[in-house]
Protein backbone atom coordinates (compact mmCIF):
# COMPACT_ATOMS: atom_id res chain seq x y z
CA MET A 1 72.96 -22.23 16.60
CA ALA A 2 71.13 -24.20 19.29
CA VAL A 3 71.13 -27.81 18.74
CA LYS A 4 69.18 -30.17 21.01
CA GLU A 5 68.77 -33.95 20.69
CA PHE A 6 65.74 -35.79 21.25
CA THR A 7 64.39 -39.23 20.97
CA GLU A 8 61.00 -39.81 19.11
CA PRO A 9 58.36 -42.25 20.54
CA CYS A 10 59.28 -44.81 18.06
CA GLY A 11 62.90 -44.85 19.31
CA ARG A 12 64.58 -42.82 16.72
CA ARG A 13 67.21 -39.93 17.84
CA ARG A 14 66.73 -36.80 15.93
CA LEU A 15 68.42 -33.23 16.02
CA ASP A 16 66.55 -30.34 16.56
CA VAL A 17 68.56 -27.09 14.85
CA ARG A 18 67.41 -23.44 15.27
CA HIS A 19 69.09 -20.35 14.80
CA VAL A 20 69.57 -17.96 17.68
CA PRO A 21 70.32 -14.41 17.02
CA GLU A 22 73.37 -12.54 18.45
CA PRO A 23 72.80 -10.83 21.73
CA TYR A 24 72.05 -7.11 21.72
CA HIS A 25 74.46 -5.07 23.60
CA PRO A 26 73.07 -1.46 24.03
CA ALA A 27 75.37 1.29 24.87
CA PRO A 28 77.18 2.70 26.69
CA TYR A 29 80.26 2.96 24.51
CA ALA A 30 83.28 4.67 25.34
CA THR A 31 83.22 7.93 23.72
CA GLY A 32 85.94 10.59 22.90
CA ASP A 33 89.55 10.69 21.28
CA TYR A 34 91.80 7.58 21.46
CA ALA A 35 95.49 6.94 20.48
CA LEU A 36 97.16 3.66 20.24
CA TYR A 37 100.99 3.86 20.73
CA LEU A 38 103.47 1.66 19.33
CA GLY A 39 106.50 2.18 21.65
CA GLU A 40 107.10 5.93 21.50
CA GLN A 41 105.03 6.38 18.27
CA ILE A 42 101.23 6.80 17.71
CA GLY A 43 100.17 3.76 15.52
CA ALA A 44 96.54 4.92 14.94
CA GLU A 45 94.13 7.77 16.37
CA TRP A 46 90.45 7.64 16.19
CA HIS A 47 87.35 9.70 17.41
CA VAL A 48 84.32 7.78 18.92
CA ALA A 49 80.89 9.65 18.39
CA GLU A 50 78.65 10.12 21.05
CA GLU A 51 76.07 7.67 19.94
CA ILE A 52 76.93 4.43 17.81
CA ARG A 53 74.23 1.94 16.69
């Protein structure tokens, strides 16, 4: 959200609130096989595909 304060010509102060969309972060994403180790043991494994949207 974006909030802006302004004063009207009559002297009243107001807030203007508008929704701002989330920024878009295009690829590149990391691709390939990954493993998360917890000490000496594997805690999780996953594969990231070539294209994620």
